[in-house]
Amino acid sequence: MRRVAAAAKRNAVQWLSQGISPRRLALTLALGFAVGCIPVVGIPTVLCAALAVALRLNLPAIQAANYAAMPLQLALIVPFVRIGGWIVSAEPARILAPRALPYFPALSLAAHMSGLAGQALLAWLLAAVPAVLLMTIALTKMLRRIPAVRASEAGD
């Protein structure tokens, strides 16, 4: 059993690092986690894939970090909406009762929801930039302690 666990751990490190430096892997994981916290459900997976392709990052690693952040994404939707509303000095968001939704005009509902999403995205953006920087620094230091990842840095 321990052999299987050790082999799985070794394979996971090789799969995630795929010959990239600890700094680049740290950036990949930090971006994946930060993008995974975007307060709009459904966007992070596509955005992570696009970032991985555009910046030539490790696709499995960025998606793994994205999926690890999903519970946090759901937990942060309401705080991001409130912080975004505070930043733009919007009136407090009214929560619509589920019974009232069928009677709410569709265009008004779409405008209300897009305004809330915009406020949440603004708050997320202001939090994500320093978070990515701090996570990248911390993860780089941690990843340099892993022999398999450190060996890929020597090969760069």
N, C-alpha and C. Protein backbone atom coordinates (compact mmCIF):
# COMPACT_ATOMS: atom_id res chain seq x y z
N MET A 1 0.81 -1.19 0.00
CA MET A 1 0.00 0.00 0.00
C MET A 1 0.86 1.26 0.00
N ARG A 2 1.93 1.25 0.79
CA ARG A 2 2.81 2.42 0.83
C ARG A 2 3.52 2.61 -0.50
N ARG A 3 3.87 1.51 -1.17
CA ARG A 3 4.51 1.63 -2.48
C ARG A 3 3.59 2.31 -3.48
N VAL A 4 2.33 1.92 -3.43
CA VAL A 4 1.36 2.51 -4.36
C VAL A 4 1.20 4.00 -4.08
N ALA A 5 1.11 4.36 -2.80
CA ALA A 5 0.98 5.78 -2.44
C ALA A 5 2.22 6.57 -2.84
N ALA A 6 3.40 5.99 -2.62
CA ALA A 6 4.64 6.67 -3.00
C ALA A 6 4.73 6.83 -4.51
N ALA A 7 4.34 5.80 -5.23
CA ALA A 7 4.37 5.88 -6.69
C ALA A 7 3.37 6.91 -7.20
N ALA A 8 2.20 6.95 -6.59
CA ALA A 8 1.18 7.93 -7.00
C ALA A 8 1.66 9.35 -6.74
N LYS A 9 2.31 9.55 -5.59
CA LYS A 9 2.82 10.88 -5.26
C LYS A 9 3.92 11.29 -6.24
N ARG A 10 4.81 10.36 -6.55
CA ARG A 10 5.90 10.64 -7.49
C ARG A 10 5.34 10.97 -8.88
N ASN A 11 4.35 10.18 -9.31
CA ASN A 11 3.74 10.42 -10.63
C ASN A 11 3.01 11.76 -10.66
N ALA A 12 2.34 12.12 -9.55
CA ALA A 12 1.63 13.40 -9.52
C ALA A 12 2.60 14.56 -9.62
N VAL A 13 3.73 14.48 -8.92
CA VAL A 13 4.72 15.56 -8.98
C VAL A 13 5.27 15.67 -10.40
N GLN A 14 5.57 14.55 -11.03
CA GLN A 14 6.09 14.59 -12.40
C GLN A 14 5.03 15.12 -13.37
N TRP A 15 3.80 14.70 -13.18
CA TRP A 15 2.71 15.12 -14.05
C TRP A 15 2.47 16.62 -13.93
N LEU A 16 2.49 17.13 -12.71
CA LEU A 16 2.23 18.55 -12.51
C LEU A 16 3.40 19.43 -12.90
N SER A 17 4.61 18.96 -12.67
CA SER A 17 5.76 19.82 -12.97
C SER A 17 6.13 19.77 -14.44
N GLN A 18 6.09 18.61 -15.07
CA GLN A 18 6.39 18.42 -16.48
C GLN A 18 7.59 19.25 -16.95
N GLY A 19 8.63 19.26 -16.15
CA GLY A 19 9.87 19.90 -16.56
C GLY A 19 9.90 21.41 -16.46
N ILE A 20 8.95 22.03 -15.77
CA ILE A 20 8.99 23.49 -15.64
C ILE A 20 9.61 23.87 -14.31
N SER A 21 10.10 25.07 -14.24
CA SER A 21 10.79 25.54 -13.03
C SER A 21 9.81 25.71 -11.89
N PRO A 22 10.30 25.69 -10.65
CA PRO A 22 9.41 25.91 -9.51
C PRO A 22 8.69 27.26 -9.56
N ARG A 23 9.37 28.29 -10.05
CA ARG A 23 8.74 29.61 -10.14
C ARG A 23 7.58 29.59 -11.14
N ARG A 24 7.78 28.95 -12.26
CA ARG A 24 6.73 28.88 -13.27
C ARG A 24 5.56 28.01 -12.81
N LEU A 25 5.89 26.90 -12.14
CA LEU A 25 4.84 26.04 -11.59
C LEU A 25 4.07 26.78 -10.50
N ALA A 26 4.76 27.55 -9.68
CA ALA A 26 4.11 28.34 -8.63
C ALA A 26 3.17 29.37 -9.24
N LEU A 27 3.61 30.04 -10.30
CA LEU A 27 2.75 31.00 -10.98
C LEU A 27 1.52 30.31 -11.56
N THR A 28 1.73 29.13 -12.13
CA THR A 28 0.63 28.37 -12.70
C THR A 28 -0.41 28.03 -11.64
N LEU A 29 0.06 27.52 -10.50
CA LEU A 29 -0.86 27.15 -9.42
C LEU A 29 -1.55 28.38 -8.83
N ALA A 30 -0.81 29.47 -8.66
CA ALA A 30 -1.39 30.69 -8.10
C ALA A 30 -2.46 31.27 -9.03
N LEU A 31 -2.17 31.31 -10.32
CA LEU A 31 -3.17 31.81 -11.27
C LEU A 31 -4.40 30.90 -11.29
N GLY A 32 -4.18 29.60 -11.29
CA GLY A 32 -5.30 28.66 -11.30
C GLY A 32 -6.19 28.82 -10.08
N PHE A 33 -5.57 28.99 -8.92
CA PHE A 33 -6.34 29.15 -7.70
C PHE A 33 -7.08 30.49 -7.69
N ALA A 34 -6.40 31.55 -8.09
CA ALA A 34 -7.04 32.87 -8.10
C ALA A 34 -8.18 32.93 -9.12
N VAL A 35 -7.95 32.41 -10.31
CA VAL A 35 -8.99 32.41 -11.33
C VAL A 35 -10.13 31.48 -10.90
N GLY A 36 -9.81 30.42 -10.19
CA GLY A 36 -10.85 29.52 -9.68
C GLY A 36 -11.78 30.18 -8.69
N CYS A 37 -11.39 31.30 -8.14
CA CYS A 37 -12.22 32.03 -7.17
C CYS A 37 -13.06 33.12 -7.81
N ILE A 38 -13.03 33.24 -9.13
CA ILE A 38 -13.86 34.25 -9.81
C ILE A 38 -15.31 34.01 -9.40
N PRO A 39 -16.00 35.05 -8.98
CA PRO A 39 -17.35 34.88 -8.43
C PRO A 39 -18.46 34.71 -9.46
N VAL A 40 -18.14 34.20 -10.63
CA VAL A 40 -19.14 33.92 -11.65
C VAL A 40 -18.95 32.45 -12.05
N VAL A 41 -19.93 31.63 -11.72
CA VAL A 41 -19.83 30.20 -11.94
C VAL A 41 -19.76 29.90 -13.43
N GLY A 42 -18.83 29.00 -13.80
CA GLY A 42 -18.71 28.56 -15.19
C GLY A 42 -17.59 29.21 -15.97
N ILE A 43 -17.11 30.33 -15.53
CA ILE A 43 -16.06 31.04 -16.26
C ILE A 43 -14.65 30.53 -15.95
N PRO A 44 -14.32 30.15 -14.72
CA PRO A 44 -12.93 29.82 -14.39
C PRO A 44 -12.29 28.71 -15.22
N THR A 45 -13.02 27.66 -15.53
CA THR A 45 -12.42 26.55 -16.28
C THR A 45 -11.97 26.99 -17.66
N VAL A 46 -12.82 27.72 -18.36
CA VAL A 46 -12.48 28.19 -19.69
C VAL A 46 -11.35 29.22 -19.62
N LEU A 47 -11.43 30.12 -18.65
CA LEU A 47 -10.39 31.14 -18.51
C LEU A 47 -9.04 30.52 -18.16
N CYS A 48 -9.03 29.52 -17.29
CA CYS A 48 -7.77 28.84 -16.95
C CYS A 48 -7.17 28.16 -18.18
N ALA A 49 -8.00 27.51 -18.98
CA ALA A 49 -7.51 26.86 -20.19
C ALA A 49 -6.92 27.90 -21.14
N ALA A 50 -7.61 29.02 -21.31
CA ALA A 50 -7.11 30.08 -22.19
C ALA A 50 -5.79 30.66 -21.67
N LEU A 51 -5.69 30.87 -20.35
CA LEU A 51 -4.44 31.38 -19.77
C LEU A 51 -3.30 30.39 -19.96
N ALA A 52 -3.59 29.11 -19.77
CA ALA A 52 -2.56 28.09 -19.93
C ALA A 52 -2.02 28.07 -21.35
N VAL A 53 -2.90 28.18 -22.31
CA VAL A 53 -2.47 28.16 -23.71
C VAL A 53 -1.74 29.46 -24.06
N ALA A 54 -2.30 30.60 -23.66
CA ALA A 54 -1.70 31.89 -24.01
C ALA A 54 -0.35 32.10 -23.35
N LEU A 55 -0.21 31.69 -22.09
CA LEU A 55 1.04 31.93 -21.36
C LEU A 55 1.96 30.71 -21.35
N ARG A 56 1.56 29.66 -22.06
CA ARG A 56 2.33 28.40 -22.14
C ARG A 56 2.59 27.83 -20.75
N LEU A 57 1.50 27.75 -19.97
CA LEU A 57 1.57 27.19 -18.63
C LEU A 57 1.12 25.73 -18.67
N ASN A 58 1.32 25.04 -17.58
CA ASN A 58 0.97 23.64 -17.46
C ASN A 58 -0.55 23.52 -17.29
N LEU A 59 -1.23 22.98 -18.31
CA LEU A 59 -2.69 22.90 -18.29
C LEU A 59 -3.22 22.03 -17.16
N PRO A 60 -2.67 20.82 -16.93
CA PRO A 60 -3.20 20.02 -15.81
C PRO A 60 -3.01 20.71 -14.46
N ALA A 61 -1.89 21.38 -14.26
CA ALA A 61 -1.64 22.04 -12.98
C ALA A 61 -2.59 23.21 -12.75
N ILE A 62 -2.82 24.02 -13.78
CA ILE A 62 -3.70 25.17 -13.61
C ILE A 62 -5.14 24.72 -13.37
N GLN A 63 -5.56 23.65 -14.05
CA GLN A 63 -6.92 23.16 -13.84
C GLN A 63 -7.07 22.49 -12.48
N ALA A 64 -6.02 21.82 -12.00
CA ALA A 64 -6.07 21.22 -10.66
C ALA A 64 -6.24 22.31 -9.60
N ALA A 65 -5.51 23.40 -9.73
CA ALA A 65 -5.64 24.51 -8.79
C ALA A 65 -7.01 25.17 -8.91
N ASN A 66 -7.51 25.29 -10.12
CA ASN A 66 -8.84 25.85 -10.36
C ASN A 66 -9.90 25.01 -9.65
N TYR A 67 -9.85 23.70 -9.81
CA TYR A 67 -10.85 22.83 -9.19
C TYR A 67 -10.71 22.81 -7.67
N ALA A 68 -9.50 22.96 -7.17
CA ALA A 68 -9.30 23.02 -5.73
C ALA A 68 -9.94 24.27 -5.14
N ALA A 69 -10.04 25.32 -5.93
CA ALA A 69 -10.60 26.59 -5.45
C ALA A 69 -12.12 26.67 -5.56
N MET A 70 -12.76 25.70 -6.20
CA MET A 70 -14.21 25.80 -6.42
C MET A 70 -15.04 25.98 -5.15
N PRO A 71 -14.76 25.24 -4.07
CA PRO A 71 -15.56 25.51 -2.86
C PRO A 71 -15.40 26.95 -2.35
N LEU A 72 -14.20 27.46 -2.47
CA LEU A 72 -13.95 28.83 -2.05
C LEU A 72 -14.66 29.82 -2.97
N GLN A 73 -14.74 29.48 -4.25
CA GLN A 73 -15.45 30.33 -5.20
C GLN A 73 -16.89 30.53 -4.76
N LEU A 74 -17.56 29.46 -4.41
CA LEU A 74 -18.95 29.55 -4.00
C LEU A 74 -19.11 30.31 -2.69
N ALA A 75 -18.16 30.10 -1.79
CA ALA A 75 -18.23 30.78 -0.49
C ALA A 75 -17.97 32.28 -0.62
N LEU A 76 -17.24 32.70 -1.64
CA LEU A 76 -16.85 34.11 -1.76
C LEU A 76 -17.78 34.94 -2.64
N ILE A 77 -18.79 34.34 -3.23
CA ILE A 77 -19.67 35.11 -4.12
C ILE A 77 -20.33 36.27 -3.38
N VAL A 78 -20.97 35.99 -2.27
CA VAL A 78 -21.69 37.04 -1.53
C VAL A 78 -20.72 38.09 -0.97
N PRO A 79 -19.60 37.69 -0.34
CA PRO A 79 -18.67 38.74 0.12
C PRO A 79 -18.14 39.61 -1.01
N PHE A 80 -17.84 39.01 -2.17
CA PHE A 80 -17.36 39.81 -3.29
C PHE A 80 -18.43 40.78 -3.79
N VAL A 81 -19.68 40.35 -3.83
CA VAL A 81 -20.76 41.24 -4.25
C VAL A 81 -20.87 42.41 -3.27
N ARG A 82 -20.80 42.12 -1.99
CA ARG A 82 -20.92 43.20 -0.98
C ARG A 82 -19.73 44.16 -1.04
N ILE A 83 -18.53 43.62 -1.16
CA ILE A 83 -17.34 44.48 -1.23
C ILE A 83 -17.37 45.31 -2.51
N GLY A 84 -17.75 44.68 -3.62
CA GLY A 84 -17.86 45.42 -4.88
C GLY A 84 -18.90 46.52 -4.80
N GLY A 85 -20.02 46.26 -4.15
CA GLY A 85 -21.04 47.29 -3.96
C GLY A 85 -20.54 48.42 -3.09
N TRP A 86 -19.74 48.10 -2.09
CA TRP A 86 -19.16 49.12 -1.23
C TRP A 86 -18.16 49.97 -2.01
N ILE A 87 -17.36 49.33 -2.89
CA ILE A 87 -16.36 50.05 -3.67
C ILE A 87 -17.01 51.05 -4.62
N VAL A 88 -18.07 50.64 -5.29
CA VAL A 88 -18.72 51.52 -6.26
C VAL A 88 -19.85 52.34 -5.64
N SER A 89 -20.00 52.26 -4.33
CA SER A 89 -21.04 52.99 -3.58
C SER A 89 -22.43 52.72 -4.12
N ALA A 90 -22.69 51.46 -4.40
CA ALA A 90 -24.01 51.07 -4.88
C ALA A 90 -24.91 50.83 -3.67
N GLU A 91 -26.22 50.93 -3.91
CA GLU A 91 -27.14 50.62 -2.83
C GLU A 91 -27.04 49.13 -2.52
N PRO A 92 -27.30 48.74 -1.28
CA PRO A 92 -27.19 47.32 -0.94
C PRO A 92 -28.05 46.46 -1.85
N ALA A 93 -27.49 45.35 -2.26
CA ALA A 93 -28.18 44.46 -3.19
C ALA A 93 -29.42 43.86 -2.52
N ARG A 94 -30.51 43.93 -3.23
CA ARG A 94 -31.74 43.31 -2.72
C ARG A 94 -31.73 41.86 -3.15
N ILE A 95 -32.01 41.01 -2.22
CA ILE A 95 -32.10 39.60 -2.55
C ILE A 95 -33.54 39.32 -2.94
N LEU A 96 -33.69 38.73 -4.11
CA LEU A 96 -35.03 38.46 -4.62
C LEU A 96 -35.56 37.17 -4.02
N ALA A 97 -36.78 37.19 -3.56
CA ALA A 97 -37.41 35.99 -3.02
C ALA A 97 -37.65 35.00 -4.16
N PRO A 98 -37.41 33.73 -3.92
CA PRO A 98 -37.61 32.74 -4.99
C PRO A 98 -39.02 32.75 -5.56
N ARG A 99 -40.01 33.06 -4.74
CA ARG A 99 -41.40 33.11 -5.23
C ARG A 99 -41.61 34.28 -6.17
N ALA A 100 -40.81 35.34 -6.02
CA ALA A 100 -40.99 36.54 -6.84
C ALA A 100 -40.30 36.43 -8.19
N LEU A 101 -39.36 35.50 -8.33
CA LEU A 101 -38.59 35.41 -9.58
C LEU A 101 -39.46 35.23 -10.84
N PRO A 102 -40.48 34.36 -10.84
CA PRO A 102 -41.27 34.22 -12.07
C PRO A 102 -42.01 35.50 -12.46
N TYR A 103 -42.24 36.39 -11.52
CA TYR A 103 -43.00 37.61 -11.80
C TYR A 103 -42.10 38.82 -12.05
N PHE A 104 -40.81 38.63 -11.92
CA PHE A 104 -39.86 39.72 -12.12
C PHE A 104 -39.59 39.85 -13.61
N PRO A 105 -39.65 41.05 -14.19
CA PRO A 105 -39.37 41.20 -15.62
C PRO A 105 -37.98 40.68 -15.98
N ALA A 106 -37.89 39.93 -17.06
CA ALA A 106 -36.64 39.26 -17.44
C ALA A 106 -35.50 40.25 -17.66
N LEU A 107 -35.75 41.33 -18.33
CA LEU A 107 -34.68 42.30 -18.59
C LEU A 107 -34.22 42.98 -17.30
N SER A 108 -35.14 43.24 -16.41
CA SER A 108 -34.76 43.84 -15.12
C SER A 108 -33.93 42.86 -14.30
N LEU A 109 -34.33 41.60 -14.33
CA LEU A 109 -33.58 40.57 -13.61
C LEU A 109 -32.17 40.43 -14.19
N ALA A 110 -32.07 40.41 -15.51
CA ALA A 110 -30.75 40.30 -16.16
C ALA A 110 -29.88 41.51 -15.83
N ALA A 111 -30.45 42.69 -15.84
CA ALA A 111 -29.69 43.90 -15.52
C ALA A 111 -29.23 43.88 -14.06
N HIS A 112 -30.12 43.45 -13.19
CA HIS A 112 -29.79 43.38 -11.76
C HIS A 112 -28.65 42.37 -11.53
N MET A 113 -28.77 41.20 -12.13
CA MET A 113 -27.76 40.17 -11.94
C MET A 113 -26.42 40.56 -12.57
N SER A 114 -26.44 41.21 -13.73
CA SER A 114 -25.18 41.61 -14.36
C SER A 114 -24.50 42.71 -13.55
N GLY A 115 -25.29 43.58 -12.93
CA GLY A 115 -24.71 44.60 -12.06
C GLY A 115 -24.04 43.98 -10.85
N LEU A 116 -24.69 42.99 -10.25
CA LEU A 116 -24.11 42.29 -9.11
C LEU A 116 -22.84 41.54 -9.52
N ALA A 117 -22.88 40.91 -10.70
CA ALA A 117 -21.69 40.19 -11.18
C ALA A 117 -20.54 41.15 -11.43
N GLY A 118 -20.84 42.31 -11.98
CA GLY A 118 -19.80 43.31 -12.22
C GLY A 118 -19.16 43.79 -10.92
N GLN A 119 -19.98 44.02 -9.90
CA GLN A 119 -19.46 44.44 -8.60
C GLN A 119 -18.57 43.34 -8.01
N ALA A 120 -19.03 42.10 -8.11
CA ALA A 120 -18.26 40.98 -7.56
C ALA A 120 -16.93 40.81 -8.31
N LEU A 121 -16.96 40.98 -9.63
CA LEU A 121 -15.72 40.86 -10.41
C LEU A 121 -14.72 41.96 -10.07
N LEU A 122 -15.20 43.15 -9.81
CA LEU A 122 -14.32 44.24 -9.42
C LEU A 122 -13.63 43.92 -8.10
N ALA A 123 -14.40 43.46 -7.12
CA ALA A 123 -13.81 43.10 -5.83
C ALA A 123 -12.83 41.94 -5.98
N TRP A 124 -13.19 40.94 -6.81
CA TRP A 124 -12.29 39.81 -7.03
C TRP A 124 -10.98 40.28 -7.65
N LEU A 125 -11.05 41.15 -8.64
CA LEU A 125 -9.85 41.63 -9.31
C LEU A 125 -8.92 42.35 -8.35
N LEU A 126 -9.49 43.18 -7.49
CA LEU A 126 -8.66 43.90 -6.52
C LEU A 126 -8.02 42.96 -5.50
N ALA A 127 -8.66 41.84 -5.22
CA ALA A 127 -8.09 40.87 -4.27
C ALA A 127 -7.15 39.89 -4.98
N ALA A 128 -7.43 39.57 -6.24
CA ALA A 128 -6.68 38.53 -6.94
C ALA A 128 -5.25 38.94 -7.29
N VAL A 129 -5.04 40.18 -7.65
CA VAL A 129 -3.70 40.60 -8.08
C VAL A 129 -2.68 40.43 -6.95
N PRO A 130 -2.91 41.00 -5.76
CA PRO A 130 -1.93 40.77 -4.69
C PRO A 130 -1.89 39.31 -4.24
N ALA A 131 -3.03 38.61 -4.31
CA ALA A 131 -3.05 37.20 -3.90
C ALA A 131 -2.17 36.36 -4.81
N VAL A 132 -2.21 36.60 -6.11
CA VAL A 132 -1.37 35.85 -7.05
C VAL A 132 0.11 36.12 -6.76
N LEU A 133 0.44 37.37 -6.51
CA LEU A 133 1.84 37.70 -6.21
C LEU A 133 2.32 37.00 -4.95
N LEU A 134 1.53 37.07 -3.89
CA LEU A 134 1.92 36.44 -2.62
C LEU A 134 1.96 34.92 -2.73
N MET A 135 0.96 34.33 -3.40
CA MET A 135 0.95 32.87 -3.57
C MET A 135 2.13 32.41 -4.41
N THR A 136 2.48 33.16 -5.45
CA THR A 136 3.60 32.78 -6.29
C THR A 136 4.90 32.76 -5.49
N ILE A 137 5.12 33.78 -4.68
CA ILE A 137 6.33 33.83 -3.86
C ILE A 137 6.37 32.67 -2.88
N ALA A 138 5.26 32.45 -2.16
CA ALA A 138 5.22 31.38 -1.16
C ALA A 138 5.34 30.00 -1.80
N LEU A 139 4.63 29.78 -2.90
CA LEU A 139 4.68 28.47 -3.56
C LEU A 139 6.04 28.20 -4.17
N THR A 140 6.70 29.23 -4.68
CA THR A 140 8.04 29.04 -5.24
C THR A 140 8.98 28.52 -4.16
N LYS A 141 8.94 29.13 -2.99
CA LYS A 141 9.80 28.68 -1.90
C LYS A 141 9.47 27.24 -1.49
N MET A 142 8.18 26.92 -1.45
CA MET A 142 7.78 25.57 -1.07
C MET A 142 8.17 24.54 -2.13
N LEU A 143 7.96 24.87 -3.39
CA LEU A 143 8.24 23.92 -4.47
C LEU A 143 9.73 23.65 -4.64
N ARG A 144 10.55 24.62 -4.30
CA ARG A 144 11.99 24.41 -4.40
C ARG A 144 12.49 23.37 -3.40
N ARG A 145 11.68 23.05 -2.42
CA ARG A 145 12.05 22.03 -1.43
C ARG A 145 11.72 20.62 -1.90
N ILE A 146 10.96 20.49 -2.98
CA ILE A 146 10.59 19.18 -3.51
C ILE A 146 11.67 18.77 -4.50
N PRO A 147 12.36 17.65 -4.23
CA PRO A 147 13.49 17.25 -5.08
C PRO A 147 13.14 17.10 -6.57
N ALA A 148 11.99 16.52 -6.90
CA ALA A 148 11.64 16.31 -8.31
C ALA A 148 11.43 17.63 -9.03
N VAL A 149 10.86 18.60 -8.35
CA VAL A 149 10.63 19.91 -8.97
C VAL A 149 11.92 20.68 -9.05
N ARG A 150 12.73 20.59 -8.01
CA ARG A 150 14.03 21.27 -7.99
C ARG A 150 14.92 20.74 -9.10
N ALA A 151 14.84 19.45 -9.40
CA ALA A 151 15.64 18.87 -10.47
C ALA A 151 15.26 19.45 -11.83
N SER A 152 13.98 19.77 -12.02
CA SER A 152 13.56 20.37 -13.29
C SER A 152 14.08 21.78 -13.43
N GLU A 153 14.31 22.46 -12.30
CA GLU A 153 14.88 23.81 -12.35
C GLU A 153 16.33 23.76 -12.81
N ALA A 154 17.06 22.75 -12.37
CA ALA A 154 18.45 22.60 -12.77
C ALA A 154 18.57 22.31 -14.27
N GLY A 155 17.52 21.68 -14.83
CA GLY A 155 17.54 21.36 -16.24
C GLY A 155 17.18 22.52 -17.12
N ASP A 156 16.60 23.60 -16.57
CA ASP A 156 16.19 24.78 -17.37
C ASP A 156 17.37 25.58 -17.84
